[in-house]
Structure formats: C-alpha cells, structure tokens
Amino acid sequence: MEAIADTIPFATGLFGMLTLMSTMFVRIVKTEIGSLRTEMSTEFRGIHQRIDRLDNDVNALMKHTFGIQRD
C-alpha cells in the first residue's frame, strides 16, 4: 500500500505537467497561425493591387492600340 501512495503524487504531478505543456503548445500554435493568416492576407492584398494596376495598363493599351474599351 505504501508504494501506491508514493506513486500517486508523482502520477498527479506528471499528469499536471503534461496538461500544462499541451495547453501552452496549443496556445503557441494558435498564435502562430493567427500571425501567418495576417501576413498572408497582407501579401494577397498587395498582389491584388498589382493585378488591378496591370489590368488598368492592359485596358489603356487596348484602348490606345485598337480603340477597344475592355470591361
């Protein structure tokens, strides 16, 4: 009985440490995913702006060269 009584606090401590570490890991992963999402959103906005500018340039060239207005 004494051996079981000695292992219960150790097992409880081990389980508590495992819970703490897994909780911290999940929080870190969520934070990193959020920052990656923000960074990618910013980059995609930049790419969309470049495509819009390119589309405006193509429209201007089409109008100048062929007299055609693209939509």
Protein backbone atom coordinates (compact mmCIF):
# COMPACT_ATOMS: atom_id res chain seq x y z
CA MET A 1 0.00 0.00 0.00
CA GLU A 2 2.86 2.36 0.74
CA ALA A 3 4.26 2.02 -2.80
CA ILE A 4 0.92 3.01 -4.32
CA ALA A 5 0.64 6.00 -2.00
CA ASP A 6 4.10 7.16 -3.11
CA THR A 7 3.31 6.93 -6.84
CA ILE A 8 0.00 8.80 -6.73
CA PRO A 9 1.59 12.26 -6.13
CA PHE A 10 4.17 11.54 -8.84
CA ALA A 11 1.48 10.49 -11.32
CA THR A 12 -0.63 13.52 -10.43
CA GLY A 13 2.34 15.84 -10.92
CA LEU A 14 3.22 14.17 -14.20
CA PHE A 15 -0.36 14.47 -15.47
CA GLY A 16 -0.49 18.14 -14.39
CA MET A 17 2.78 18.92 -16.19
CA LEU A 18 1.55 17.15 -19.33
CA THR A 19 -1.66 19.18 -19.24
CA LEU A 20 0.23 22.44 -18.75
CA MET A 21 2.66 21.77 -21.59
CA SER A 22 -0.04 20.70 -24.04
CA THR A 23 -2.11 23.79 -23.22
CA MET A 24 0.89 26.06 -23.78
CA PHE A 25 1.70 24.29 -27.05
CA VAL A 26 -1.85 24.77 -28.34
CA ARG A 27 -1.78 28.47 -27.46
CA ILE A 28 1.54 28.97 -29.25
CA VAL A 29 0.29 27.17 -32.36
CA LYS A 30 -2.91 29.26 -32.42
CA THR A 31 -0.88 32.47 -32.10
CA GLU A 32 1.46 31.47 -34.92
CA ILE A 33 -1.44 30.52 -37.19
CA GLY A 34 -3.09 33.89 -36.50
CA SER A 35 0.06 35.82 -37.35
CA LEU A 36 0.57 33.76 -40.51
CA ARG A 37 -3.02 34.44 -41.53
CA THR A 38 -2.49 38.18 -41.07
CA GLU A 39 0.76 38.16 -43.03
CA MET A 40 -0.73 36.17 -45.91
CA SER A 41 -3.76 38.45 -46.04
CA THR A 42 -1.47 41.45 -46.34
CA GLU A 43 0.55 39.83 -49.11
CA PHE A 44 -2.57 38.84 -51.05
CA ARG A 45 -3.88 42.41 -50.85
CA GLY A 46 -0.60 43.57 -52.39
CA ILE A 47 -0.87 41.01 -55.18
CA HIS A 48 -4.47 42.04 -55.91
CA GLN A 49 -3.39 45.67 -56.17
CA ARG A 50 -0.64 44.74 -58.63
CA ILE A 51 -3.10 42.73 -60.75
CA ASP A 52 -5.55 45.66 -60.74
CA ARG A 53 -2.80 48.03 -61.91
CA LEU A 54 -1.77 45.57 -64.62
CA ASP A 55 -5.39 45.29 -65.73
CA ASN A 56 -5.62 49.09 -65.98
CA ASP A 57 -2.44 49.16 -68.07
CA VAL A 58 -3.79 46.47 -70.43
CA ASN A 59 -7.06 48.40 -70.77
CA ALA A 60 -5.15 51.57 -71.63
CA LEU A 61 -3.05 49.73 -74.23
CA MET A 62 -6.12 48.12 -75.80
CA LYS A 63 -7.89 51.46 -75.99
CA HIS A 64 -4.83 53.22 -77.42
CA THR A 65 -3.96 50.49 -79.93
CA PHE A 66 -7.33 49.20 -81.06
CA GLY A 67 -9.81 51.73 -79.75
CA ILE A 68 -11.42 48.95 -77.71
CA GLN A 69 -12.64 49.53 -74.16
CA ARG A 70 -12.39 46.31 -72.12
CA ASP A 71 -14.51 45.73 -69.05
